[in-house]
Amino acid sequence: MSVALGTTTEPSNASWSRLTPEQLTEHLPDLVSARGGAAWFAAGVAMAPTMRLRHALTVLSEAARDRPALHAALEAAGEGGSWDLARAALELAPRATHPQPLVALLLRLVNTADPDTVTAVAEALPSRSVVLDSVAAAALERRVVALRKLARSAREEQAPVLARALTDLSARLAAVGQLDAAVTADHEATRIRRKLVEQDPDTHLADLAASLNNLAGSLTAAGQRHDALSPAEEATQLYRQLSEHSPGTHRGGLAAAVHTLATCLSRLGRRAEAVVAAEEATQLYRQLAEKNPHTYLPELATSLTTLARQLTGPGRSSEALAHLQHAVRIRRRLTRQAPDAHLPDLAASVTALAHQLTGLDRHAEALAHTKDAVRFYRRLTEQGSSAYLGNLAAALSKLGIALIRAGRRSAALGFTEEATALYRRLAESNAQVYLPALASSLHNHAITLAGAGQGQDALERIEEAVRIRRQLARQDPDTYHPALASSLENLAGRYRGLGHPKDAASAAAEATKIRRRLHPSPPV
């Protein structure tokens, strides 16, 4: 029977592009799932009108939600795929309720298509998209490989293009959680641009400043906070120099560099300097957002959030709260307009607002915002982005603590347990970034278990937290000794509760020794 009549479940020689929308909806999932269906579908793409192709992909991606074989067939249809297929999938995926099959198709396509198609995909990708970040990273990796080959034969012409591609690649790698790879890409882009500045500083100095700023940001994200400061300072210095000659052109770059510097200083515990830098960045972004809100409102919200996190001194809590509330208002509005681009930033600002409200003893409001953060980060991870697993773990841990504070220990237990499991998984692949967080999560989970009457389980978790924090304190005593003392005090409490007074006394004595070292008594 003819496929065009929609009365068979086996592909025939006829093209699916001749099916009506009703026939596509009814029969296409079964036809593509059948043997040879993926190749048959791919063969019909060139003959399909744009709207019919979009309808077909929508039908298939939705049907693949509960049909693994169809998901695999749709992925296989991307093998060596055309620009027409890529363009339709790129347009649909960010708005799809179940985008994973379309993302799988695109990943197969960019890894197997011809270089021109891959370049077209890379250039068509939106600048921000949670759903498409993995596709962007794959497309840009192939583009960088091709550009490196071209640079070997025509280095002078291709070097700036390669540096730009590496910069784009770094941002996408960071977005999918490949933090060390992002650092590597930024290092390469910075090296290329330093050489270009030696040849033509007037043309390439601004690009070098941008690369240094990106490098500082990626180093900070990868947990290399000490290494991040130097490129952040150099980027800021270069942008100040550039802004003196052309302030209208480079004010945005200066704002970005000063903001990155504020973050670096904060991570190094230099809070007073961080406040000064964050205030300058915020002021710059306010001025920029007044003239160009589409471009700079997102950056203003980021800067407000960073500044609020630094305002911990007496009398500045209300100021910090106002900044965070402003940032959340901006990001809620942006997220309504483009959720795929702005939901991660909204989740971050809501998390910061919840923390600030907790510090002001406004626990009910803080709990509501923390629940929002968990909901947002779950949505992001469900869209297939593993980059937000750490954020989800942190939000779950905070929710557990908030519920404990509200006297709801039983409700807290599941959240602290899930947070600990996520951190354990993350620490296995990136101990430098996530081992401290795993220790904190174990510490909090032990408290929750103890409150639920599970004393022995609580003891095992806090013992593990102490072991990790001893290890961290040996590497960086100034940073980790306070946390180690806190876990030792927790451990002493667990020992006492289980009837081990000698062990309790030993743990308490060690904690006291650390506290005295941290805060020695003044001489009499």
Protein backbone atom coordinates (compact mmCIF):
# COMPACT_ATOMS: atom_id res chain seq x y z
CA MET A 1 0.00 0.00 0.00
CA SER A 2 1.18 3.55 -0.63
CA VAL A 3 2.76 5.40 2.25
CA ALA A 4 1.07 8.52 0.97
CA LEU A 5 -2.23 6.92 1.93
CA GLY A 6 -0.99 6.33 5.44
CA THR A 7 -2.18 2.71 5.57
CA THR A 8 1.05 0.87 6.29
CA THR A 9 3.56 0.63 9.10
CA GLU A 10 6.51 -0.20 6.84
CA PRO A 11 8.47 2.41 4.85
CA SER A 12 8.06 2.12 1.08
CA ASN A 13 9.71 3.89 -1.83
CA ALA A 14 7.31 6.80 -1.52
CA SER A 15 8.46 9.83 0.44
CA TRP A 16 6.92 10.71 3.78
CA SER A 17 6.91 14.32 2.59
CA ARG A 18 3.72 13.51 0.65
CA LEU A 19 1.80 12.62 3.80
CA THR A 20 -0.80 15.06 5.09
CA PRO A 21 -0.30 16.54 8.57
CA GLU A 22 -2.96 14.17 9.92
CA GLN A 23 -1.22 11.17 8.35
CA LEU A 24 2.16 12.31 9.70
CA THR A 25 0.75 12.48 13.20
CA GLU A 26 -0.89 9.07 12.96
CA HIS A 27 1.68 7.00 11.07
CA LEU A 28 5.13 8.65 10.99
CA PRO A 29 6.38 7.45 14.42
CA ASP A 30 5.71 3.80 13.50
CA LEU A 31 7.22 4.22 10.04
CA VAL A 32 10.44 5.80 11.32
CA SER A 33 10.73 3.20 14.11
CA ALA A 34 10.56 0.36 11.60
CA ARG A 35 13.65 -1.25 10.06
CA GLY A 36 15.26 1.20 7.66
CA GLY A 37 12.97 3.97 8.86
CA ALA A 38 15.71 6.41 9.89
CA ALA A 39 17.38 6.35 6.47
CA TRP A 40 13.96 6.56 4.76
CA PHE A 41 13.06 9.63 6.82
CA ALA A 42 16.42 11.31 6.12
CA ALA A 43 15.99 10.68 2.38
CA GLY A 44 12.69 12.53 2.40
CA VAL A 45 13.98 15.68 4.07
CA ALA A 46 15.11 17.34 0.84
CA MET A 47 11.64 16.94 -0.68
CA ALA A 48 9.69 18.18 2.33
CA PRO A 49 8.35 21.74 2.50
CA THR A 50 9.68 23.63 5.53
CA MET A 51 6.42 23.55 7.49
CA ARG A 52 5.93 19.83 6.86
CA LEU A 53 9.47 19.06 7.98
CA ARG A 54 8.90 21.05 11.17
CA HIS A 55 5.64 19.23 11.79
CA ALA A 56 7.28 15.85 11.22
CA LEU A 57 10.12 16.59 13.66
CA THR A 58 7.65 17.84 16.27
CA VAL A 59 5.57 14.66 15.96
CA LEU A 60 8.64 12.41 16.17
CA SER A 61 10.28 14.19 19.12
CA GLU A 62 7.07 14.09 21.16
CA ALA A 63 6.38 10.44 20.30
CA ALA A 64 9.98 9.51 21.22
CA ARG A 65 9.40 10.51 24.86
CA ASP A 66 8.36 6.95 25.81
CA ARG A 67 9.76 5.07 22.80
CA PRO A 68 13.53 4.49 23.02
CA ALA A 69 13.60 2.85 19.58
CA LEU A 70 12.10 5.96 18.01
CA HIS A 71 14.56 8.18 19.89
CA ALA A 72 17.42 6.07 18.45
CA ALA A 73 15.94 6.21 14.95
CA LEU A 74 15.56 9.99 15.08
CA GLU A 75 19.16 10.30 16.25
CA ALA A 76 20.31 8.05 13.40
CA ALA A 77 18.43 10.25 10.93
CA GLY A 78 20.97 12.98 11.70
CA GLU A 79 23.84 10.96 10.20
CA GLY A 80 25.45 13.19 7.57
CA GLY A 81 22.35 15.36 7.66
CA SER A 82 21.64 18.42 5.58
CA TRP A 83 21.37 22.09 6.52
CA ASP A 84 17.59 21.93 5.95
CA LEU A 85 17.27 19.24 8.62
CA ALA A 86 19.63 21.05 10.99
CA ARG A 87 17.85 24.37 10.61
CA ALA A 88 14.44 22.87 11.39
CA ALA A 89 15.75 21.02 14.45
CA LEU A 90 17.59 24.12 15.70
CA GLU A 91 14.40 26.16 15.51
CA LEU A 92 12.24 23.53 17.23
CA ALA A 93 14.46 22.18 20.01
CA PRO A 94 14.50 25.22 22.36
CA ARG A 95 10.69 25.34 22.37
CA ALA A 96 10.01 21.61 22.45
CA THR A 97 8.50 20.04 25.56
CA HIS A 98 10.75 17.01 24.97
CA PRO A 99 13.86 18.31 23.13
CA GLN A 100 16.25 15.42 23.83
CA PRO A 101 15.59 13.47 20.58
CA LEU A 102 16.14 16.62 18.52
CA VAL A 103 19.34 17.37 20.42
CA ALA A 104 20.53 13.80 19.78
CA LEU A 105 19.76 14.23 16.07
CA LEU A 106 21.72 17.49 15.96
CA LEU A 107 24.69 16.03 17.81
CA ARG A 108 24.87 13.16 15.32
CA LEU A 109 24.53 15.65 12.47
CA VAL A 110 27.31 18.02 13.56
CA ASN A 111 29.65 15.08 14.17
CA THR A 112 29.07 13.59 10.70
CA ALA A 113 27.98 16.37 8.32
CA ASP A 114 30.23 18.16 5.83
CA PRO A 115 32.28 21.14 7.12
CA ASP A 116 30.09 23.74 5.42
CA THR A 117 26.97 22.41 7.16
CA VAL A 118 28.77 22.36 10.51
CA THR A 119 29.87 25.97 10.00
CA ALA A 120 26.29 26.95 9.14
CA VAL A 121 25.05 25.26 12.32
CA ALA A 122 27.68 27.02 14.45
CA GLU A 123 26.74 30.40 13.00
CA ALA A 124 22.98 29.84 13.38
CA LEU A 125 23.06 28.86 17.05
CA PRO A 126 21.58 31.35 19.52
CA SER A 127 24.11 33.02 21.78
CA ARG A 128 22.43 31.53 24.88
CA SER A 129 20.48 28.27 24.94
CA VAL A 130 20.43 25.64 27.66
CA VAL A 131 18.89 23.10 25.29
CA LEU A 132 21.41 23.65 22.50
CA ASP A 133 24.63 24.20 24.49
CA SER A 134 25.85 20.64 23.89
CA VAL A 135 25.16 20.96 20.16
CA ALA A 136 27.01 24.28 20.10
CA ALA A 137 30.02 22.77 21.86
CA ALA A 138 30.17 19.86 19.40
CA ALA A 139 29.79 22.11 16.35
CA LEU A 140 32.43 24.55 17.56
CA GLU A 141 34.87 21.74 18.41
CA ARG A 142 34.69 20.57 14.79
CA ARG A 143 35.02 24.14 13.55
CA VAL A 144 38.10 24.74 15.72
CA VAL A 145 39.74 21.57 14.38
CA ALA A 146 39.13 22.74 10.79
CA LEU A 147 40.40 26.25 11.54
CA ARG A 148 43.59 24.91 13.14
CA LYS A 149 44.35 23.09 9.88
CA LEU A 150 43.73 26.26 7.88
CA ALA A 151 45.85 28.32 10.28
CA ARG A 152 48.85 26.10 9.61
CA SER A 153 48.77 27.06 5.93
CA ALA A 154 47.48 30.64 6.20
CA ARG A 155 48.21 31.60 9.79
CA GLU A 156 48.05 35.37 9.39
CA GLU A 157 44.56 35.32 7.92
CA GLN A 158 43.07 32.54 10.06
CA ALA A 159 44.55 33.30 13.49
CA PRO A 160 41.91 35.91 14.46
CA VAL A 161 39.11 33.62 13.23
CA LEU A 162 40.53 30.69 15.21
CA ALA A 163 40.81 32.80 18.36
CA ARG A 164 37.18 33.89 18.02
CA ALA A 165 36.05 30.28 17.55
CA LEU A 166 38.05 29.18 20.60
CA THR A 167 36.41 31.93 22.65
CA ASP A 168 32.95 30.79 21.56
CA LEU A 169 33.90 27.18 22.22
CA SER A 170 35.07 27.98 25.75
CA ALA A 171 31.73 29.57 26.63
CA ARG A 172 29.82 26.54 25.36
CA LEU A 173 32.13 24.07 27.09
CA ALA A 174 31.63 25.89 30.38
CA ALA A 175 27.88 25.83 29.82
CA VAL A 176 27.90 22.02 29.56
CA GLY A 177 30.17 21.61 32.59
CA GLN A 178 33.47 20.91 30.79
CA LEU A 179 35.30 23.46 32.88
CA ASP A 180 38.88 22.29 32.39
CA ALA A 181 38.38 22.10 28.61
CA ALA A 182 37.00 25.65 28.69
CA VAL A 183 40.17 26.84 30.44
CA THR A 184 42.31 25.13 27.79
CA ALA A 185 40.39 26.83 24.97
CA ASP A 186 40.72 30.24 26.64
CA HIS A 187 44.45 29.76 27.17
CA GLU A 188 44.90 28.99 23.46
CA ALA A 189 42.81 32.00 22.39
CA THR A 190 44.82 34.25 24.70
CA ARG A 191 48.15 33.00 23.33
CA ILE A 192 47.01 33.64 19.76
CA ARG A 193 45.83 37.14 20.55
CA ARG A 194 49.03 38.07 22.42
CA LYS A 195 50.97 37.27 19.25
CA LEU A 196 48.51 39.28 17.17
CA VAL A 197 48.93 42.28 19.51
CA GLU A 198 52.69 42.12 19.02
CA GLN A 199 52.09 42.53 15.26
CA ASP A 200 49.20 45.04 15.35
CA PRO A 201 48.21 46.34 18.80
CA ASP A 202 45.67 48.88 17.53
CA THR A 203 43.62 46.15 15.85
CA HIS A 204 43.91 43.34 18.39
CA LEU A 205 44.34 44.85 21.88
CA ALA A 206 40.60 44.84 22.65
CA ASP A 207 40.37 41.19 21.62
CA LEU A 208 43.28 40.32 23.94
CA ALA A 209 41.52 42.09 26.81
CA ALA A 210 38.36 40.08 26.09
CA SER A 211 40.33 36.80 26.03
CA LEU A 212 42.03 37.61 29.34
CA ASN A 213 38.65 38.38 30.90
CA ASN A 214 37.22 35.10 29.59
CA LEU A 215 40.27 33.21 30.86
CA ALA A 216 39.85 34.70 34.34
CA GLY A 217 36.20 33.69 34.34
CA SER A 218 36.85 30.12 33.22
CA LEU A 219 39.69 29.68 35.73
CA THR A 220 37.41 30.90 38.52
CA ALA A 221 34.63 28.52 37.43
CA ALA A 222 37.12 25.63 37.37
CA GLY A 223 38.15 26.33 40.97
CA GLN A 224 41.55 27.84 40.07
CA ARG A 225 40.88 31.08 41.91
CA HIS A 226 44.52 31.99 42.59
CA ASP A 227 45.42 31.67 38.89
CA ALA A 228 42.39 33.72 37.85
CA LEU A 229 43.42 36.98 39.49
CA SER A 230 46.33 37.88 37.19
CA PRO A 231 44.39 37.71 33.90
CA ALA A 232 41.46 39.52 35.55
CA GLU A 233 43.73 42.38 36.62
CA GLU A 234 45.41 42.55 33.22
CA ALA A 235 42.06 42.57 31.40
CA THR A 236 40.81 45.40 33.61
CA GLN A 237 44.00 47.40 33.06
CA LEU A 238 43.78 46.98 29.28
CA TYR A 239 40.11 47.98 29.16
CA ARG A 240 40.83 51.08 31.25
CA GLN A 241 43.54 52.01 28.79
CA LEU A 242 41.20 51.41 25.84
CA SER A 243 38.33 53.32 27.47
CA GLU A 244 40.50 56.41 27.92
CA HIS A 245 40.81 56.69 24.16
CA SER A 246 37.34 55.42 23.18
CA PRO A 247 34.95 55.18 26.17
CA GLY A 248 31.82 54.62 24.12
CA THR A 249 33.31 51.61 22.37
CA HIS A 250 34.88 49.84 25.33
CA ARG A 251 32.65 50.68 28.31
CA GLY A 252 30.89 47.31 28.05
CA GLY A 253 34.18 45.45 28.03
CA LEU A 254 35.40 47.46 31.02
CA ALA A 255 32.21 46.65 32.94
CA ALA A 256 32.66 42.95 32.21
CA ALA A 257 36.33 42.96 33.27
CA VAL A 258 35.69 44.87 36.51
CA HIS A 259 32.86 42.45 37.32
CA THR A 260 35.13 39.46 36.74
CA LEU A 261 37.78 41.11 38.93
CA ALA A 262 35.20 41.56 41.70
CA THR A 263 34.37 37.86 41.54
CA CYS A 264 38.05 36.87 41.66
CA LEU A 265 38.75 39.12 44.64
CA SER A 266 35.72 37.75 46.47
CA ARG A 267 36.84 34.15 45.91
CA LEU A 268 40.22 35.07 47.40
CA GLY A 269 38.60 36.54 50.51
CA ARG A 270 39.53 40.14 49.60
CA ARG A 271 36.00 41.32 50.24
CA ALA A 272 36.61 45.05 50.69
CA GLU A 273 38.31 45.27 47.29
CA ALA A 274 35.60 43.06 45.79
CA VAL A 275 32.91 45.49 46.97
CA VAL A 276 34.66 48.44 45.32
CA ALA A 277 34.98 46.56 42.02
CA ALA A 278 31.41 45.23 42.14
CA GLU A 279 30.04 48.72 42.81
CA GLU A 280 31.96 50.10 39.82
CA ALA A 281 30.75 47.30 37.55
CA THR A 282 27.16 47.83 38.65
CA GLN A 283 27.35 51.55 38.02
CA LEU A 284 28.78 50.96 34.54
CA TYR A 285 26.07 48.43 33.71
CA ARG A 286 23.33 50.79 34.93
CA GLN A 287 24.54 53.42 32.49
CA LEU A 288 24.81 50.90 29.66
CA ALA A 289 21.39 49.36 30.35
CA GLU A 290 19.71 52.77 30.20
CA LYS A 291 20.88 53.19 26.60
CA ASN A 292 20.73 49.53 25.49
CA PRO A 293 18.51 47.43 27.78
CA HIS A 294 18.28 44.47 25.40
CA THR A 295 22.04 43.90 25.58
CA TYR A 296 22.87 45.01 29.10
CA LEU A 297 19.89 44.30 31.39
CA PRO A 298 21.03 40.66 31.81
CA GLU A 299 24.52 41.87 32.72
CA LEU A 300 23.13 44.44 35.15
CA ALA A 301 21.20 41.68 36.93
CA THR A 302 24.39 39.61 37.18
CA SER A 303 26.34 42.55 38.57
CA LEU A 304 23.62 43.39 41.11
CA THR A 305 23.71 39.79 42.32
CA THR A 306 27.50 39.81 42.65
CA LEU A 307 27.48 43.14 44.49
CA ALA A 308 24.78 41.98 46.91
CA ARG A 309 26.86 38.93 47.83
CA GLN A 310 29.71 41.21 48.93
CA LEU A 311 27.64 43.56 51.10
CA THR A 312 27.97 41.78 54.42
CA GLY A 313 29.05 44.69 56.63
CA PRO A 314 26.92 46.39 59.31
CA GLY A 315 23.98 48.30 57.90
CA ARG A 316 24.35 46.98 54.35
CA SER A 317 21.95 44.02 54.54
CA SER A 318 18.97 46.06 53.40
CA GLU A 319 21.00 47.43 50.49
CA ALA A 320 22.02 43.92 49.48
CA LEU A 321 18.41 42.74 49.68
CA ALA A 322 17.24 45.60 47.45
CA HIS A 323 19.89 44.73 44.83
CA LEU A 324 18.86 41.07 44.82
CA GLN A 325 15.17 41.85 44.56
CA HIS A 326 15.93 44.14 41.61
CA ALA A 327 18.00 41.39 39.95
CA VAL A 328 15.22 38.83 40.41
CA ARG A 329 12.63 41.20 38.94
CA ILE A 330 14.81 41.76 35.86
CA ARG A 331 15.45 38.07 35.39
CA ARG A 332 11.85 36.99 35.89
CA ARG A 333 10.88 39.39 33.10
CA LEU A 334 13.68 38.16 30.83
CA THR A 335 12.84 34.52 31.55
CA ARG A 336 9.22 35.04 30.58
CA GLN A 337 10.45 36.38 27.25
CA ALA A 338 13.15 33.74 26.61
CA PRO A 339 13.23 30.93 29.20
CA ASP A 340 15.85 28.89 27.35
CA ALA A 341 18.30 31.79 27.56
CA HIS A 342 17.61 33.24 31.00
CA LEU A 343 16.34 30.50 33.33
CA PRO A 344 19.86 29.64 34.63
CA ASP A 345 20.45 33.25 35.65
CA LEU A 346 17.04 33.51 37.30
CA ALA A 347 17.79 30.39 39.31
CA ALA A 348 21.09 31.91 40.47
CA SER A 349 19.49 35.18 41.55
CA VAL A 350 16.64 33.43 43.36
CA THR A 351 19.22 31.32 45.21
CA ALA A 352 21.12 34.43 46.29
CA LEU A 353 17.89 36.15 47.38
CA ALA A 354 16.91 33.14 49.51
CA HIS A 355 20.32 33.25 51.19
CA GLN A 356 19.98 36.96 51.95
CA LEU A 357 16.48 36.53 53.38
CA THR A 358 17.75 33.73 55.61
CA GLY A 359 20.39 36.07 57.01
CA LEU A 360 17.62 38.55 57.83
CA ASP A 361 15.63 35.82 59.65
CA ARG A 362 12.87 36.00 57.02
CA HIS A 363 12.80 32.21 56.83
CA ALA A 364 9.37 31.67 55.32
CA GLU A 365 10.21 33.90 52.34
CA ALA A 366 13.61 32.26 52.02
CA LEU A 367 12.03 28.80 51.96
CA ALA A 368 9.68 29.80 49.13
CA HIS A 369 12.56 31.14 47.01
CA THR A 370 14.70 28.07 47.73
CA LYS A 371 11.88 25.85 46.49
CA ASP A 372 11.81 27.96 43.33
CA ALA A 373 15.56 27.44 42.89
CA VAL A 374 15.20 23.66 43.20
CA ARG A 375 12.34 23.70 40.69
CA PHE A 376 14.32 25.80 38.20
CA TYR A 377 17.48 23.70 38.45
CA ARG A 378 15.49 20.48 38.12
CA ARG A 379 13.98 21.84 34.92
CA LEU A 380 17.43 22.68 33.60
CA THR A 381 18.85 19.24 34.35
CA GLU A 382 15.76 17.54 32.93
CA GLN A 383 16.44 19.36 29.67
CA GLY A 384 19.61 17.32 29.46
CA SER A 385 22.15 19.81 30.80
CA SER A 386 24.49 18.12 33.29
CA ALA A 387 26.22 21.47 33.84
CA TYR A 388 23.53 22.39 36.39
CA LEU A 389 23.81 19.26 38.53
CA GLY A 390 26.08 21.12 40.96
CA ASN A 391 23.59 23.97 41.21
CA LEU A 392 20.77 21.50 41.78
CA ALA A 393 22.77 19.79 44.50
CA ALA A 394 23.43 23.12 46.22
CA ALA A 395 19.77 24.13 46.01
CA LEU A 396 18.67 20.76 47.41
CA SER A 397 21.12 21.12 50.29
CA LYS A 398 19.86 24.63 51.06
CA LEU A 399 16.26 23.42 50.92
CA GLY A 400 17.07 20.66 53.38
CA ILE A 401 18.65 23.17 55.77
CA ALA A 402 15.67 25.52 55.41
CA LEU A 403 13.26 22.70 56.23
CA ILE A 404 15.33 21.72 59.28
CA ARG A 405 15.19 25.32 60.41
CA ALA A 406 11.40 25.21 60.00
CA GLY A 407 11.24 22.10 62.20
CA ARG A 408 10.41 19.79 59.28
CA ARG A 409 13.26 17.33 59.71
CA SER A 410 11.52 14.37 58.09
CA ALA A 411 10.78 16.43 54.97
CA ALA A 412 14.41 17.61 54.87
CA LEU A 413 15.91 14.13 54.85
CA GLY A 414 15.16 13.28 51.22
CA PHE A 415 16.60 16.57 49.96
CA THR A 416 19.88 16.36 51.91
CA GLU A 417 20.27 12.73 50.84
CA GLU A 418 19.73 13.61 47.17
CA ALA A 419 22.17 16.54 47.45
CA THR A 420 24.85 14.29 48.94
CA ALA A 421 24.40 11.68 46.22
CA LEU A 422 24.75 14.33 43.51
CA TYR A 423 27.86 15.86 45.09
CA ARG A 424 29.44 12.42 45.43
CA ARG A 425 28.87 11.80 41.73
CA LEU A 426 30.27 15.22 40.80
CA ALA A 427 33.32 14.89 43.06
CA GLU A 428 34.25 11.63 41.34
CA SER A 429 34.77 13.53 38.08
CA ASN A 430 36.01 16.87 39.46
CA ALA A 431 37.31 16.63 43.02
CA GLN A 432 38.95 20.06 42.98
CA VAL A 433 35.62 21.80 42.49
CA TYR A 434 33.18 19.50 44.29
CA LEU A 435 35.02 17.77 47.14
CA PRO A 436 34.51 20.75 49.52
CA ALA A 437 30.81 20.80 48.63
CA LEU A 438 30.54 17.05 49.23
CA ALA A 439 32.01 17.54 52.71
CA SER A 440 29.50 20.30 53.48
CA SER A 441 26.64 18.17 52.20
CA LEU A 442 27.74 15.20 54.31
CA HIS A 443 27.93 17.50 57.35
CA ASN A 444 24.38 18.78 56.78
CA HIS A 445 23.01 15.33 55.96
CA ALA A 446 24.45 14.01 59.25
CA ILE A 447 22.52 16.69 61.12
CA THR A 448 19.33 15.72 59.30
CA LEU A 449 19.85 12.02 59.99
CA ALA A 450 20.52 12.67 63.66
CA GLY A 451 17.33 14.73 63.90
CA ALA A 452 15.42 11.85 62.34
CA GLY A 453 16.76 9.43 64.96
CA GLN A 454 19.21 7.66 62.63
CA GLY A 455 22.25 8.13 64.86
CA GLN A 456 24.54 5.46 63.38
CA ASP A 457 23.98 6.65 59.81
CA ALA A 458 24.60 10.22 60.98
CA LEU A 459 27.90 9.14 62.54
CA GLU A 460 29.09 7.52 59.30
CA ARG A 461 28.31 10.64 57.28
CA ILE A 462 30.02 13.06 59.65
CA GLU A 463 33.07 10.79 59.92
CA GLU A 464 33.37 10.94 56.13
CA ALA A 465 32.97 14.73 56.21
CA VAL A 466 35.79 14.99 58.76
CA ARG A 467 38.07 12.79 56.65
CA ILE A 468 37.51 14.97 53.58
CA ARG A 469 37.97 18.21 55.48
CA ARG A 470 41.20 16.96 57.09
CA GLN A 471 42.49 16.30 53.57
CA LEU A 472 41.42 19.74 52.37
CA ALA A 473 42.86 21.47 55.44
CA ARG A 474 46.26 19.88 54.85
CA GLN A 475 46.28 21.49 51.39
CA ASP A 476 44.81 24.87 52.40
CA PRO A 477 44.56 25.29 56.19
CA ASP A 478 43.43 28.92 56.17
CA THR A 479 40.41 28.12 54.02
CA TYR A 480 39.33 24.76 55.43
CA HIS A 481 40.28 24.71 59.13
CA PRO A 482 37.07 26.52 60.21
CA ALA A 483 34.92 23.95 58.39
CA LEU A 484 36.99 21.10 59.85
CA ALA A 485 36.44 22.47 63.37
CA SER A 486 32.70 22.64 62.74
CA SER A 487 32.57 19.03 61.53
CA LEU A 488 34.66 17.87 64.49
CA GLU A 489 32.15 19.52 66.83
CA ASN A 490 29.35 17.77 64.96
CA LEU A 491 31.28 14.49 65.26
CA ALA A 492 31.70 15.00 69.02
CA GLY A 493 27.95 15.43 69.33
CA ARG A 494 27.27 12.22 67.41
CA TYR A 495 29.74 10.29 69.58
CA ARG A 496 28.10 11.58 72.76
CA GLY A 497 24.66 10.65 71.47
CA LEU A 498 25.81 7.09 70.76
CA GLY A 499 27.51 6.65 74.14
CA HIS A 500 31.18 7.07 73.16
CA PRO A 501 32.40 9.75 75.61
CA LYS A 502 36.14 9.22 75.01
CA ASP A 503 35.77 9.61 71.24
CA ALA A 504 33.54 12.64 71.81
CA ALA A 505 36.12 14.26 74.09
CA SER A 506 38.91 13.65 71.57
CA ALA A 507 36.97 15.20 68.67
CA ALA A 508 35.91 18.18 70.81
CA ALA A 509 39.47 18.77 71.98
CA GLU A 510 40.75 18.79 68.40
CA ALA A 511 38.05 21.26 67.41
CA THR A 512 38.94 23.53 70.32
CA LYS A 513 42.62 23.41 69.39
CA ILE A 514 41.81 24.52 65.84
CA ARG A 515 39.52 27.31 67.08
CA ARG A 516 42.23 28.64 69.39
CA ARG A 517 44.72 28.60 66.57
CA LEU A 518 42.29 30.51 64.37
CA HIS A 519 41.40 33.02 67.11
CA PRO A 520 44.28 33.24 69.59
CA SER A 521 43.61 35.00 72.86
CA PRO A 522 45.21 38.45 73.14
CA PRO A 523 48.15 38.74 75.55
CA VAL A 524 47.24 39.78 79.10
